[in-house]
Amino acid sequence: MDEISTQLRAVVADAPPTRIDVDGLIRSERRRRRHRTWLLTGTTAAAAVAALLVVPSLAAAPGPAPTVAARRRPARRRPSRRRSVPR
C-alpha cells in the first residue's frame, strides 16, 4: 500500500501545468451573474409597469355603454331657382 501511494505522488508531482485560467473563469462567471441580475431586474420592472397600466382598466366596474348622440346632417341646399338677369 505504501508503494502505491508513493508512485501516485510521484506521478502527480510531475503533472503538466493546467491550462485553465481560474481568475478568468471566476471573472466570466461574475459577469454572467451580473448580466442575469440586470436582465431579471429589467423584466420584473417591465412586468410591474404593465400590471400598473392594465389592472386598473380591468378592475374598473363596467358601466353603461356610452351613448353617442345622433348627429344631424346639415340640410342640403337646393339650387336656387332664380332666373338669371340678362345683362
N, C-alpha and C. Protein backbone atom coordinates (compact mmCIF):
# COMPACT_ATOMS: atom_id res chain seq x y z
N MET A 1 0.82 -1.18 0.00
CA MET A 1 0.00 0.00 0.00
C MET A 1 0.87 1.25 0.00
N ASP A 2 1.93 1.21 0.72
CA ASP A 2 2.84 2.34 0.80
C ASP A 2 3.52 2.59 -0.53
N GLU A 3 3.76 1.52 -1.24
CA GLU A 3 4.42 1.61 -2.53
C GLU A 3 3.50 2.29 -3.57
N ILE A 4 2.20 1.96 -3.53
CA ILE A 4 1.25 2.55 -4.48
C ILE A 4 1.10 4.04 -4.24
N SER A 5 0.96 4.45 -3.00
CA SER A 5 0.79 5.88 -2.73
C SER A 5 2.06 6.65 -3.08
N THR A 6 3.22 6.06 -2.93
CA THR A 6 4.46 6.72 -3.33
C THR A 6 4.49 6.90 -4.84
N GLN A 7 4.07 5.90 -5.57
CA GLN A 7 4.06 6.00 -7.03
C GLN A 7 3.02 7.04 -7.51
N LEU A 8 1.86 7.07 -6.87
CA LEU A 8 0.84 8.06 -7.25
C LEU A 8 1.33 9.48 -6.98
N ARG A 9 1.98 9.68 -5.86
CA ARG A 9 2.51 11.02 -5.54
C ARG A 9 3.58 11.42 -6.55
N ALA A 10 4.37 10.49 -6.98
CA ALA A 10 5.41 10.78 -7.97
C ALA A 10 4.79 11.18 -9.31
N VAL A 11 3.71 10.51 -9.70
CA VAL A 11 3.03 10.84 -10.96
C VAL A 11 2.40 12.22 -10.89
N VAL A 12 1.78 12.53 -9.79
CA VAL A 12 1.10 13.82 -9.63
C VAL A 12 2.10 14.96 -9.52
N ALA A 13 3.24 14.72 -8.94
CA ALA A 13 4.25 15.77 -8.77
C ALA A 13 4.78 16.24 -10.13
N ASP A 14 4.80 15.39 -11.11
CA ASP A 14 5.33 15.74 -12.41
C ASP A 14 4.22 16.10 -13.42
N ALA A 15 3.02 16.39 -12.95
CA ALA A 15 1.91 16.71 -13.85
C ALA A 15 2.16 18.03 -14.55
N PRO A 16 1.74 18.14 -15.81
CA PRO A 16 1.92 19.40 -16.53
C PRO A 16 1.00 20.47 -15.93
N PRO A 17 1.39 21.72 -16.09
CA PRO A 17 0.54 22.79 -15.54
C PRO A 17 -0.81 22.82 -16.25
N THR A 18 -1.81 23.17 -15.53
CA THR A 18 -3.15 23.23 -16.10
C THR A 18 -3.29 24.45 -17.00
N ARG A 19 -4.10 24.34 -18.04
CA ARG A 19 -4.32 25.45 -18.95
C ARG A 19 -5.58 26.22 -18.60
N ILE A 20 -6.22 25.86 -17.51
CA ILE A 20 -7.44 26.53 -17.07
C ILE A 20 -7.04 27.81 -16.33
N ASP A 21 -7.59 28.93 -16.79
CA ASP A 21 -7.33 30.22 -16.14
C ASP A 21 -8.41 30.41 -15.08
N VAL A 22 -8.05 30.13 -13.84
CA VAL A 22 -9.04 30.21 -12.76
C VAL A 22 -9.54 31.64 -12.58
N ASP A 23 -8.65 32.62 -12.65
CA ASP A 23 -9.08 34.02 -12.50
C ASP A 23 -10.04 34.42 -13.62
N GLY A 24 -9.74 34.01 -14.84
CA GLY A 24 -10.63 34.33 -15.96
C GLY A 24 -11.97 33.63 -15.82
N LEU A 25 -11.97 32.41 -15.32
CA LEU A 25 -13.20 31.67 -15.10
C LEU A 25 -14.09 32.36 -14.06
N ILE A 26 -13.47 32.79 -12.97
CA ILE A 26 -14.22 33.49 -11.92
C ILE A 26 -14.76 34.82 -12.46
N ARG A 27 -13.93 35.53 -13.22
CA ARG A 27 -14.34 36.82 -13.77
C ARG A 27 -15.53 36.66 -14.72
N SER A 28 -15.48 35.66 -15.59
CA SER A 28 -16.58 35.46 -16.55
C SER A 28 -17.86 35.03 -15.85
N GLU A 29 -17.76 34.23 -14.81
CA GLU A 29 -18.96 33.83 -14.06
C GLU A 29 -19.58 35.01 -13.32
N ARG A 30 -18.75 35.88 -12.79
CA ARG A 30 -19.29 37.09 -12.13
C ARG A 30 -19.99 37.97 -13.15
N ARG A 31 -19.42 38.10 -14.36
CA ARG A 31 -20.04 38.90 -15.40
C ARG A 31 -21.38 38.30 -15.82
N ARG A 32 -21.44 36.98 -15.97
CA ARG A 32 -22.70 36.31 -16.32
C ARG A 32 -23.76 36.54 -15.24
N ARG A 33 -23.35 36.44 -13.98
CA ARG A 33 -24.30 36.65 -12.89
C ARG A 33 -24.82 38.08 -12.90
N ARG A 34 -23.92 39.06 -13.15
CA ARG A 34 -24.34 40.46 -13.19
C ARG A 34 -25.31 40.71 -14.34
N HIS A 35 -25.03 40.14 -15.51
CA HIS A 35 -25.93 40.31 -16.66
C HIS A 35 -27.29 39.65 -16.40
N ARG A 36 -27.27 38.48 -15.79
CA ARG A 36 -28.52 37.79 -15.49
C ARG A 36 -29.34 38.59 -14.47
N THR A 37 -28.66 39.19 -13.49
CA THR A 37 -29.36 40.01 -12.49
C THR A 37 -30.02 41.21 -13.15
N TRP A 38 -29.28 41.90 -14.03
CA TRP A 38 -29.86 43.06 -14.71
C TRP A 38 -31.02 42.66 -15.61
N LEU A 39 -30.91 41.53 -16.27
CA LEU A 39 -31.99 41.05 -17.13
C LEU A 39 -33.25 40.76 -16.32
N LEU A 40 -33.10 40.07 -15.21
CA LEU A 40 -34.25 39.76 -14.38
C LEU A 40 -34.85 41.01 -13.75
N THR A 41 -34.00 41.95 -13.36
CA THR A 41 -34.50 43.20 -12.79
C THR A 41 -35.29 43.99 -13.82
N GLY A 42 -34.76 44.09 -15.04
CA GLY A 42 -35.46 44.81 -16.10
C GLY A 42 -36.78 44.15 -16.47
N THR A 43 -36.79 42.83 -16.53
CA THR A 43 -38.02 42.10 -16.85
C THR A 43 -39.07 42.31 -15.77
N THR A 44 -38.63 42.26 -14.52
CA THR A 44 -39.56 42.46 -13.40
C THR A 44 -40.12 43.87 -13.42
N ALA A 45 -39.28 44.86 -13.70
CA ALA A 45 -39.75 46.25 -13.74
C ALA A 45 -40.76 46.44 -14.88
N ALA A 46 -40.48 45.85 -16.04
CA ALA A 46 -41.41 45.98 -17.18
C ALA A 46 -42.74 45.30 -16.86
N ALA A 47 -42.70 44.16 -16.21
CA ALA A 47 -43.94 43.47 -15.84
C ALA A 47 -44.73 44.29 -14.82
N ALA A 48 -44.04 44.92 -13.88
CA ALA A 48 -44.72 45.75 -12.87
C ALA A 48 -45.39 46.95 -13.53
N VAL A 49 -44.71 47.59 -14.45
CA VAL A 49 -45.29 48.75 -15.13
C VAL A 49 -46.51 48.31 -15.96
N ALA A 50 -46.38 47.20 -16.65
CA ALA A 50 -47.51 46.70 -17.44
C ALA A 50 -48.70 46.38 -16.54
N ALA A 51 -48.43 45.79 -15.39
CA ALA A 51 -49.52 45.46 -14.46
C ALA A 51 -50.17 46.73 -13.93
N LEU A 52 -49.37 47.75 -13.65
CA LEU A 52 -49.94 49.01 -13.16
C LEU A 52 -50.80 49.69 -14.21
N LEU A 53 -50.47 49.48 -15.47
CA LEU A 53 -51.27 50.11 -16.53
C LEU A 53 -52.51 49.30 -16.89
N VAL A 54 -52.45 47.99 -16.78
CA VAL A 54 -53.54 47.13 -17.23
C VAL A 54 -54.56 46.86 -16.13
N VAL A 55 -54.11 46.64 -14.90
CA VAL A 55 -55.01 46.24 -13.82
C VAL A 55 -56.11 47.26 -13.55
N PRO A 56 -55.82 48.56 -13.50
CA PRO A 56 -56.93 49.50 -13.24
C PRO A 56 -58.03 49.43 -14.30
N SER A 57 -57.68 49.23 -15.54
CA SER A 57 -58.72 49.16 -16.56
C SER A 57 -59.53 47.87 -16.46
N LEU A 58 -58.91 46.80 -15.99
CA LEU A 58 -59.64 45.54 -15.81
C LEU A 58 -60.48 45.55 -14.55
N ALA A 59 -59.99 46.25 -13.53
CA ALA A 59 -60.68 46.25 -12.25
C ALA A 59 -61.86 47.23 -12.22
N ALA A 60 -61.91 48.16 -13.14
CA ALA A 60 -63.00 49.14 -13.15
C ALA A 60 -64.33 48.43 -13.41
N ALA A 61 -65.33 48.83 -12.65
CA ALA A 61 -66.65 48.22 -12.83
C ALA A 61 -67.22 48.66 -14.17
N PRO A 62 -67.78 47.73 -14.90
CA PRO A 62 -68.34 48.12 -16.20
C PRO A 62 -69.59 48.97 -16.00
N GLY A 63 -69.62 50.07 -16.61
CA GLY A 63 -70.76 50.96 -16.51
C GLY A 63 -71.63 50.82 -17.74
N PRO A 64 -72.64 51.65 -17.85
CA PRO A 64 -73.48 51.58 -19.05
C PRO A 64 -72.66 51.96 -20.28
N ALA A 65 -73.04 51.40 -21.37
CA ALA A 65 -72.33 51.69 -22.61
C ALA A 65 -72.51 53.16 -22.95
N PRO A 66 -71.47 53.81 -23.39
CA PRO A 66 -71.60 55.22 -23.72
C PRO A 66 -72.50 55.39 -24.94
N THR A 67 -73.36 56.38 -24.85
CA THR A 67 -74.26 56.64 -25.98
C THR A 67 -73.71 57.80 -26.78
N VAL A 68 -73.85 57.67 -28.03
CA VAL A 68 -73.38 58.72 -28.93
C VAL A 68 -74.61 59.40 -29.49
N ALA A 69 -74.69 60.69 -29.32
CA ALA A 69 -75.83 61.44 -29.82
C ALA A 69 -75.81 61.39 -31.35
N ALA A 70 -76.98 61.19 -31.89
CA ALA A 70 -77.07 61.14 -33.35
C ALA A 70 -76.79 62.53 -33.90
N ARG A 71 -75.91 62.57 -34.83
CA ARG A 71 -75.57 63.86 -35.43
C ARG A 71 -76.52 64.12 -36.58
N ARG A 72 -77.02 65.32 -36.58
CA ARG A 72 -77.92 65.70 -37.67
C ARG A 72 -77.08 66.14 -38.86
N ARG A 73 -77.50 65.66 -39.98
CA ARG A 73 -76.82 66.10 -41.18
C ARG A 73 -77.33 67.49 -41.53
N PRO A 74 -76.45 68.31 -41.98
CA PRO A 74 -76.94 69.63 -42.39
C PRO A 74 -77.87 69.47 -43.60
N ALA A 75 -78.88 70.29 -43.60
CA ALA A 75 -79.85 70.23 -44.71
C ALA A 75 -79.14 70.58 -46.00
N ARG A 76 -79.46 69.81 -47.01
CA ARG A 76 -78.85 70.09 -48.30
C ARG A 76 -79.52 71.32 -48.90
N ARG A 77 -78.71 72.12 -49.43
CA ARG A 77 -79.25 73.32 -50.07
C ARG A 77 -79.68 72.98 -51.48
N ARG A 78 -80.87 73.40 -51.75
CA ARG A 78 -81.37 73.20 -53.10
C ARG A 78 -80.86 74.35 -53.95
N PRO A 79 -80.58 74.06 -55.16
CA PRO A 79 -80.11 75.17 -56.01
C PRO A 79 -81.23 76.21 -56.15
N SER A 80 -80.84 77.40 -56.09
CA SER A 80 -81.84 78.46 -56.19
C SER A 80 -82.43 78.48 -57.60
N ARG A 81 -83.69 78.83 -57.66
CA ARG A 81 -84.36 78.85 -58.96
C ARG A 81 -84.48 80.27 -59.48
N ARG A 82 -83.60 81.04 -59.08
CA ARG A 82 -83.63 82.42 -59.59
C ARG A 82 -83.28 82.40 -61.07
N ARG A 83 -83.98 83.26 -61.71
CA ARG A 83 -83.64 83.39 -63.12
C ARG A 83 -82.51 84.37 -63.25
N SER A 84 -81.65 84.02 -64.11
CA SER A 84 -80.53 84.93 -64.28
C SER A 84 -81.01 86.20 -64.99
N VAL A 85 -80.50 87.27 -64.57
CA VAL A 85 -80.89 88.57 -65.15
C VAL A 85 -79.99 88.84 -66.35
N PRO A 86 -80.59 89.10 -67.50
CA PRO A 86 -79.75 89.37 -68.67
C PRO A 86 -79.04 90.71 -68.51
N ARG A 87 -77.94 90.77 -68.98
CA ARG A 87 -77.15 91.99 -68.85
C ARG A 87 -77.19 92.83 -70.05
